[in-house]
Amino acid sequence: MRYRHGEAEPRIHPSAVVADTAVVSGEVRIGAGCRIAHGAVITAEGGPVDLGEHVIVMENAVLRSTRRHPLTIGDHSLIGPLAAITGATVDREVFIATGARIFNGAVIGRGSEVRIDAVVHLRTVLEAGSTVPIGWVAVGDPAQLFPPGAHEEIWAVQRELDFAGTVFGIDATTTERPFMVELTERYARSLGEHAHDERLD
């Protein structure tokens, strides 16, 4: 299913194959030879999404951009089932495994692997050829790798990356209303822009 969002609609190369049950919305470019599997969602939420050539997006993966963070996936990359990527720059020949999560502003170097259920946190930079092991967390610039149970060590790095400001544009220390009230109402206004989307097929 393709949707026009605002003034933008998807541009899909004629040689790409997009499953009928995939959703492609807004300013999305899908390059030559791409394959988008059933249930995948590729949505431009204010910034562009650009998939290079021969990118494979597997079942139920979610790829999205934001106003602050466009999403780019380089040629010959594979995004596994149930993976989620928001507003990141993914270079060529990258393997993102099942259930992996990549957050706003992350940069994934060429030929890297983010393995099953691994996380690359916001504003984290993985050098070319990096591997994030199964279930591990990469955080910081340059990336530091931590096992999933290392919460305090992860938080010590993540704290300085300003999740609320980077993802939602909210200064959690100065908002006059309760943080979650501000977050949900602001985010709901943004998502409400989809009320006027037009289905194209």
C-alpha atoms as a PDB file:
ATOM      1  CA  MET A   1       0.000   0.000   0.000  1.00  0.00           C
ATOM      2  CA  ARG A   2       1.392   3.375  -1.003  1.00  0.00           C
ATOM      3  CA  TYR A   3       0.314   6.641   0.625  1.00  0.00           C
ATOM      4  CA  ARG A   4       0.799  10.304  -0.198  1.00  0.00           C
ATOM      5  CA  HIS A   5       1.709  12.149   3.001  1.00  0.00           C
ATOM      6  CA  GLY A   6       1.382  15.902   2.673  1.00  0.00           C
ATOM      7  CA  GLU A   7       2.773  16.780  -0.745  1.00  0.00           C
ATOM      8  CA  ALA A   8       5.122  13.773  -0.936  1.00  0.00           C
ATOM      9  CA  GLU A   9       4.527  10.317  -2.329  1.00  0.00           C
ATOM     10  CA  PRO A  10       6.776   7.280  -2.657  1.00  0.00           C
ATOM     11  CA  ARG A  11       9.051   6.843  -5.673  1.00  0.00           C
ATOM     12  CA  ILE A  12       9.643   3.153  -6.337  1.00  0.00           C
ATOM     13  CA  HIS A  13      12.004   1.955  -9.052  1.00  0.00           C
ATOM     14  CA  PRO A  14      10.229  -0.225 -11.632  1.00  0.00           C
ATOM     15  CA  SER A  15      12.550  -3.154 -10.879  1.00  0.00           C
ATOM     16  CA  ALA A  16      11.794  -3.078  -7.146  1.00  0.00           C
ATOM     17  CA  VAL A  17       9.242  -5.518  -5.716  1.00  0.00           C
ATOM     18  CA  VAL A  18       7.041  -4.308  -2.858  1.00  0.00           C
ATOM     19  CA  ALA A  19       4.627  -6.786  -1.249  1.00  0.00           C
ATOM     20  CA  ASP A  20       0.931  -5.864  -1.325  1.00  0.00           C
ATOM     21  CA  THR A  21       0.774  -5.820   2.476  1.00  0.00           C
ATOM     22  CA  ALA A  22       3.784  -3.535   2.934  1.00  0.00           C
ATOM     23  CA  VAL A  23       3.107   0.141   3.716  1.00  0.00           C
ATOM     24  CA  VAL A  24       5.178   2.838   2.010  1.00  0.00           C
ATOM     25  CA  SER A  25       4.237   6.377   3.017  1.00  0.00           C
ATOM     26  CA  GLY A  26       5.438   9.846   2.098  1.00  0.00           C
ATOM     27  CA  GLU A  27       8.835  10.950   0.806  1.00  0.00           C
ATOM     28  CA  VAL A  28      10.295   7.475   0.333  1.00  0.00           C
ATOM     29  CA  ARG A  29      12.629   6.492  -2.504  1.00  0.00           C
ATOM     30  CA  ILE A  30      13.123   2.770  -3.133  1.00  0.00           C
ATOM     31  CA  GLY A  31      15.983   1.979  -5.496  1.00  0.00           C
ATOM     32  CA  ALA A  32      16.519  -0.562  -8.244  1.00  0.00           C
ATOM     33  CA  GLY A  33      16.330  -4.220  -7.342  1.00  0.00           C
ATOM     34  CA  CYS A  34      14.950  -3.665  -3.827  1.00  0.00           C
ATOM     35  CA  ARG A  35      12.656  -6.223  -2.225  1.00  0.00           C
ATOM     36  CA  ILE A  36      10.162  -5.156   0.438  1.00  0.00           C
ATOM     37  CA  ALA A  37       8.459  -8.113   2.160  1.00  0.00           C
ATOM     38  CA  HIS A  38       4.964  -8.517   3.636  1.00  0.00           C
ATOM     39  CA  GLY A  39       4.091  -6.355   6.597  1.00  0.00           C
ATOM     40  CA  ALA A  40       7.088  -4.036   6.304  1.00  0.00           C
ATOM     41  CA  VAL A  41       6.432  -0.351   7.051  1.00  0.00           C
ATOM     42  CA  ILE A  42       8.545   2.370   5.458  1.00  0.00           C
ATOM     43  CA  THR A  43       7.332   5.824   6.451  1.00  0.00           C
ATOM     44  CA  ALA A  44       8.721   9.317   6.038  1.00  0.00           C
ATOM     45  CA  GLU A  45       7.697  11.290   9.112  1.00  0.00           C
ATOM     46  CA  GLY A  46       8.834  14.751   8.027  1.00  0.00           C
ATOM     47  CA  GLY A  47      12.224  13.793   6.585  1.00  0.00           C
ATOM     48  CA  PRO A  48      13.063  11.622   3.569  1.00  0.00           C
ATOM     49  CA  VAL A  49      13.703   7.877   3.511  1.00  0.00           C
ATOM     50  CA  ASP A  50      16.153   6.705   0.864  1.00  0.00           C
ATOM     51  CA  LEU A  51      16.830   3.047   0.073  1.00  0.00           C
ATOM     52  CA  GLY A  52      19.698   2.394  -2.321  1.00  0.00           C
ATOM     53  CA  GLU A  53      19.892  -0.453  -4.792  1.00  0.00           C
ATOM     54  CA  HIS A  54      19.273  -4.112  -3.930  1.00  0.00           C
ATOM     55  CA  VAL A  55      18.153  -3.394  -0.374  1.00  0.00           C
ATOM     56  CA  ILE A  56      16.087  -6.174   1.202  1.00  0.00           C
ATOM     57  CA  VAL A  57      13.562  -5.291   3.899  1.00  0.00           C
ATOM     58  CA  MET A  58      12.106  -8.412   5.511  1.00  0.00           C
ATOM     59  CA  GLU A  59       8.699  -9.097   7.067  1.00  0.00           C
ATOM     60  CA  ASN A  60       7.359  -6.637   9.647  1.00  0.00           C
ATOM     61  CA  ALA A  61      10.464  -4.450   9.727  1.00  0.00           C
ATOM     62  CA  VAL A  62       9.795  -0.758  10.443  1.00  0.00           C
ATOM     63  CA  LEU A  63      11.881   1.961   8.770  1.00  0.00           C
ATOM     64  CA  ARG A  64      11.080   5.584   9.501  1.00  0.00           C
ATOM     65  CA  SER A  65      12.546   9.049   9.293  1.00  0.00           C
ATOM     66  CA  THR A  66      11.825  12.126  11.386  1.00  0.00           C
ATOM     67  CA  ARG A  67      11.992  15.859  10.730  1.00  0.00           C
ATOM     68  CA  ARG A  68      15.399  16.008  12.413  1.00  0.00           C
ATOM     69  CA  HIS A  69      16.734  12.699  11.147  1.00  0.00           C
ATOM     70  CA  PRO A  70      16.316  11.385   7.597  1.00  0.00           C
ATOM     71  CA  LEU A  71      16.851   7.668   7.029  1.00  0.00           C
ATOM     72  CA  THR A  72      19.298   6.325   4.473  1.00  0.00           C
ATOM     73  CA  ILE A  73      19.970   2.645   3.752  1.00  0.00           C
ATOM     74  CA  GLY A  74      22.941   1.938   1.473  1.00  0.00           C
ATOM     75  CA  ASP A  75      23.115  -0.476  -1.447  1.00  0.00           C
ATOM     76  CA  HIS A  76      23.121  -4.238  -0.869  1.00  0.00           C
ATOM     77  CA  SER A  77      21.980  -4.013   2.750  1.00  0.00           C
ATOM     78  CA  LEU A  78      19.539  -6.398   4.429  1.00  0.00           C
ATOM     79  CA  ILE A  79      17.055  -5.445   7.143  1.00  0.00           C
ATOM     80  CA  GLY A  80      15.806  -8.522   8.997  1.00  0.00           C
ATOM     81  CA  PRO A  81      12.291  -9.368  10.178  1.00  0.00           C
ATOM     82  CA  LEU A  82      10.952  -7.232  13.042  1.00  0.00           C
ATOM     83  CA  ALA A  83      13.940  -4.876  12.926  1.00  0.00           C
ATOM     84  CA  ALA A  84      13.260  -1.186  13.560  1.00  0.00           C
ATOM     85  CA  ILE A  85      15.370   1.714  12.288  1.00  0.00           C
ATOM     86  CA  THR A  86      14.544   5.367  12.909  1.00  0.00           C
ATOM     87  CA  GLY A  87      16.393   8.303  11.395  1.00  0.00           C
ATOM     88  CA  ALA A  88      19.788   6.669  10.913  1.00  0.00           C
ATOM     89  CA  THR A  89      22.468   6.553   8.233  1.00  0.00           C
ATOM     90  CA  VAL A  90      23.227   2.967   7.236  1.00  0.00           C
ATOM     91  CA  ASP A  91      26.090   2.530   4.776  1.00  0.00           C
ATOM     92  CA  ARG A  92      26.445  -0.112   2.045  1.00  0.00           C
ATOM     93  CA  GLU A  93      26.518  -3.869   2.592  1.00  0.00           C
ATOM     94  CA  VAL A  94      25.179  -3.762   6.159  1.00  0.00           C
ATOM     95  CA  PHE A  95      23.338  -6.663   7.792  1.00  0.00           C
ATOM     96  CA  ILE A  96      20.661  -5.715  10.331  1.00  0.00           C
ATOM     97  CA  ALA A  97      19.386  -8.954  11.886  1.00  0.00           C
ATOM     98  CA  THR A  98      15.985  -9.984  13.224  1.00  0.00           C
ATOM     99  CA  GLY A  99      14.681  -7.751  15.992  1.00  0.00           C
ATOM    100  CA  ALA A 100      17.582  -5.292  15.931  1.00  0.00           C
ATOM    101  CA  ARG A 101      16.867  -1.666  16.890  1.00  0.00           C
ATOM    102  CA  ILE A 102      18.700   1.388  15.543  1.00  0.00           C
ATOM    103  CA  PHE A 103      17.823   4.827  16.884  1.00  0.00           C
ATOM    104  CA  ASN A 104      17.826   8.445  15.724  1.00  0.00           C
ATOM    105  CA  GLY A 105      21.087   9.908  14.490  1.00  0.00           C
ATOM    106  CA  ALA A 106      22.993   6.603  14.522  1.00  0.00           C
ATOM    107  CA  VAL A 107      25.591   5.974  11.819  1.00  0.00           C
ATOM    108  CA  ILE A 108      26.339   2.388  10.760  1.00  0.00           C
ATOM    109  CA  GLY A 109      29.576   1.984   8.801  1.00  0.00           C
ATOM    110  CA  ARG A 110      29.961  -0.044   5.634  1.00  0.00           C
ATOM    111  CA  GLY A 111      29.937  -3.813   5.991  1.00  0.00           C
ATOM    112  CA  SER A 112      28.804  -3.771   9.631  1.00  0.00           C
ATOM    113  CA  GLU A 113      26.535  -6.320  11.310  1.00  0.00           C
ATOM    114  CA  VAL A 114      23.936  -5.586  13.971  1.00  0.00           C
ATOM    115  CA  ARG A 115      22.959  -9.061  15.104  1.00  0.00           C
ATOM    116  CA  ILE A 116      19.713 -10.516  16.511  1.00  0.00           C
ATOM    117  CA  ASP A 117      17.984  -8.245  19.061  1.00  0.00           C
ATOM    118  CA  ALA A 118      21.010  -5.932  19.279  1.00  0.00           C
ATOM    119  CA  VAL A 119      20.569  -2.184  19.819  1.00  0.00           C
ATOM    120  CA  VAL A 120      22.439   0.749  18.327  1.00  0.00           C
ATOM    121  CA  HIS A 121      21.472   3.728  20.444  1.00  0.00           C
ATOM    122  CA  LEU A 122      20.790   7.265  19.302  1.00  0.00           C
ATOM    123  CA  ARG A 123      23.717   9.317  17.962  1.00  0.00           C
ATOM    124  CA  THR A 124      25.947   6.222  18.098  1.00  0.00           C
ATOM    125  CA  VAL A 125      28.616   5.756  15.442  1.00  0.00           C
ATOM    126  CA  LEU A 126      29.752   2.279  14.361  1.00  0.00           C
ATOM    127  CA  GLU A 127      32.931   2.224  12.310  1.00  0.00           C
ATOM    128  CA  ALA A 128      33.000   0.257   9.043  1.00  0.00           C
ATOM    129  CA  GLY A 129      33.150  -3.475   9.578  1.00  0.00           C
ATOM    130  CA  SER A 130      31.806  -3.358  13.140  1.00  0.00           C
ATOM    131  CA  THR A 131      29.746  -6.120  14.751  1.00  0.00           C
ATOM    132  CA  VAL A 132      27.220  -5.659  17.552  1.00  0.00           C
ATOM    133  CA  PRO A 133      26.799  -9.148  19.084  1.00  0.00           C
ATOM    134  CA  ILE A 134      23.446 -10.842  19.658  1.00  0.00           C
ATOM    135  CA  GLY A 135      21.459  -8.890  22.244  1.00  0.00           C
ATOM    136  CA  TRP A 136      24.253  -6.380  22.956  1.00  0.00           C
ATOM    137  CA  VAL A 137      23.972  -2.578  23.032  1.00  0.00           C
ATOM    138  CA  ALA A 138      26.176  -0.124  21.126  1.00  0.00           C
ATOM    139  CA  VAL A 139      26.213   3.405  22.498  1.00  0.00           C
ATOM    140  CA  GLY A 140      28.294   6.546  21.968  1.00  0.00           C
ATOM    141  CA  ASP A 141      30.666   8.074  19.424  1.00  0.00           C
ATOM    142  CA  PRO A 142      32.774   6.119  18.910  1.00  0.00           C
ATOM    143  CA  ALA A 143      30.541   3.204  19.845  1.00  0.00           C
ATOM    144  CA  GLN A 144      31.142   1.264  23.030  1.00  0.00           C
ATOM    145  CA  LEU A 145      29.651  -2.239  23.244  1.00  0.00           C
ATOM    146  CA  PHE A 146      27.916  -3.571  26.348  1.00  0.00           C
ATOM    147  CA  PRO A 147      26.117  -6.818  27.195  1.00  0.00           C
ATOM    148  CA  PRO A 148      22.376  -6.404  27.792  1.00  0.00           C
ATOM    149  CA  GLY A 149      22.610  -6.555  31.588  1.00  0.00           C
ATOM    150  CA  ALA A 150      25.055  -3.640  31.868  1.00  0.00           C
ATOM    151  CA  HIS A 151      22.402  -0.990  32.466  1.00  0.00           C
ATOM    152  CA  GLU A 152      24.476   1.342  34.635  1.00  0.00           C
ATOM    153  CA  GLU A 153      27.385   1.346  32.186  1.00  0.00           C
ATOM    154  CA  ILE A 154      25.054   1.919  29.231  1.00  0.00           C
ATOM    155  CA  TRP A 155      23.219   4.718  31.034  1.00  0.00           C
ATOM    156  CA  ALA A 156      26.488   6.430  31.955  1.00  0.00           C
ATOM    157  CA  VAL A 157      27.146   6.936  28.226  1.00  0.00           C
ATOM    158  CA  GLN A 158      23.537   7.336  27.087  1.00  0.00           C
ATOM    159  CA  ARG A 159      22.708  10.035  29.641  1.00  0.00           C
ATOM    160  CA  GLU A 160      24.826  12.547  27.715  1.00  0.00           C
ATOM    161  CA  LEU A 161      23.137  11.732  24.379  1.00  0.00           C
ATOM    162  CA  ASP A 162      19.869  13.521  25.348  1.00  0.00           C
ATOM    163  CA  PHE A 163      17.219  11.000  24.278  1.00  0.00           C
ATOM    164  CA  ALA A 164      14.238  13.316  24.925  1.00  0.00           C
ATOM    165  CA  GLY A 165      15.796  16.221  23.069  1.00  0.00           C
ATOM    166  CA  THR A 166      17.111  14.160  20.166  1.00  0.00           C
ATOM    167  CA  VAL A 167      13.990  12.082  19.565  1.00  0.00           C
ATOM    168  CA  PHE A 168      11.155  14.379  20.673  1.00  0.00           C
ATOM    169  CA  GLY A 169      12.689  17.863  20.790  1.00  0.00           C
ATOM    170  CA  ILE A 170      11.813  18.226  24.469  1.00  0.00           C
ATOM    171  CA  ASP A 171      14.089  19.480  27.219  1.00  0.00           C
ATOM    172  CA  ALA A 172      13.067  17.138  30.021  1.00  0.00           C
ATOM    173  CA  THR A 173      14.642  19.415  32.635  1.00  0.00           C
ATOM    174  CA  THR A 174      12.677  22.555  31.786  1.00  0.00           C
ATOM    175  CA  THR A 175       9.242  21.450  30.560  1.00  0.00           C
ATOM    176  CA  GLU A 176       6.571  23.029  32.769  1.00  0.00           C
ATOM    177  CA  ARG A 177       4.135  20.150  32.346  1.00  0.00           C
ATOM    178  CA  PRO A 178       4.823  16.551  33.344  1.00  0.00           C
ATOM    179  CA  PHE A 179       7.251  15.096  30.824  1.00  0.00           C
ATOM    180  CA  MET A 180       4.984  12.308  29.534  1.00  0.00           C
ATOM    181  CA  VAL A 181       2.078  14.726  29.123  1.00  0.00           C
ATOM    182  CA  GLU A 182       4.248  17.017  26.997  1.00  0.00           C
ATOM    183  CA  LEU A 183       5.700  14.097  25.040  1.00  0.00           C
ATOM    184  CA  THR A 184       2.446  12.312  24.206  1.00  0.00           C
ATOM    185  CA  GLU A 185       0.513  15.445  23.269  1.00  0.00           C
ATOM    186  CA  ARG A 186       3.313  16.784  21.081  1.00  0.00           C
ATOM    187  CA  TYR A 187       3.866  13.401  19.413  1.00  0.00           C
ATOM    188  CA  ALA A 188       0.126  12.890  18.888  1.00  0.00           C
ATOM    189  CA  ARG A 189      -0.071  16.233  17.031  1.00  0.00           C
ATOM    190  CA  SER A 190       2.728  15.114  14.734  1.00  0.00           C
ATOM    191  CA  LEU A 191       1.209  11.680  14.066  1.00  0.00           C
ATOM    192  CA  GLY A 192      -2.185  13.303  13.552  1.00  0.00           C
ATOM    193  CA  GLU A 193      -0.873  14.708  10.262  1.00  0.00           C
ATOM    194  CA  HIS A 194      -1.545  11.254   8.806  1.00  0.00           C
ATOM    195  CA  ALA A 195      -5.293  11.853   9.079  1.00  0.00           C
ATOM    196  CA  HIS A 196      -5.195  13.404   5.614  1.00  0.00           C
ATOM    197  CA  ASP A 197      -2.950  10.852   3.888  1.00  0.00           C
ATOM    198  CA  GLU A 198      -4.173   9.618   0.503  1.00  0.00           C
ATOM    199  CA  ARG A 199      -3.915   5.981  -0.469  1.00  0.00           C
ATOM    200  CA  LEU A 200      -2.419   5.687  -3.944  1.00  0.00           C
ATOM    201  CA  ASP A 201      -3.110   2.021  -4.761  1.00  0.00           C
END
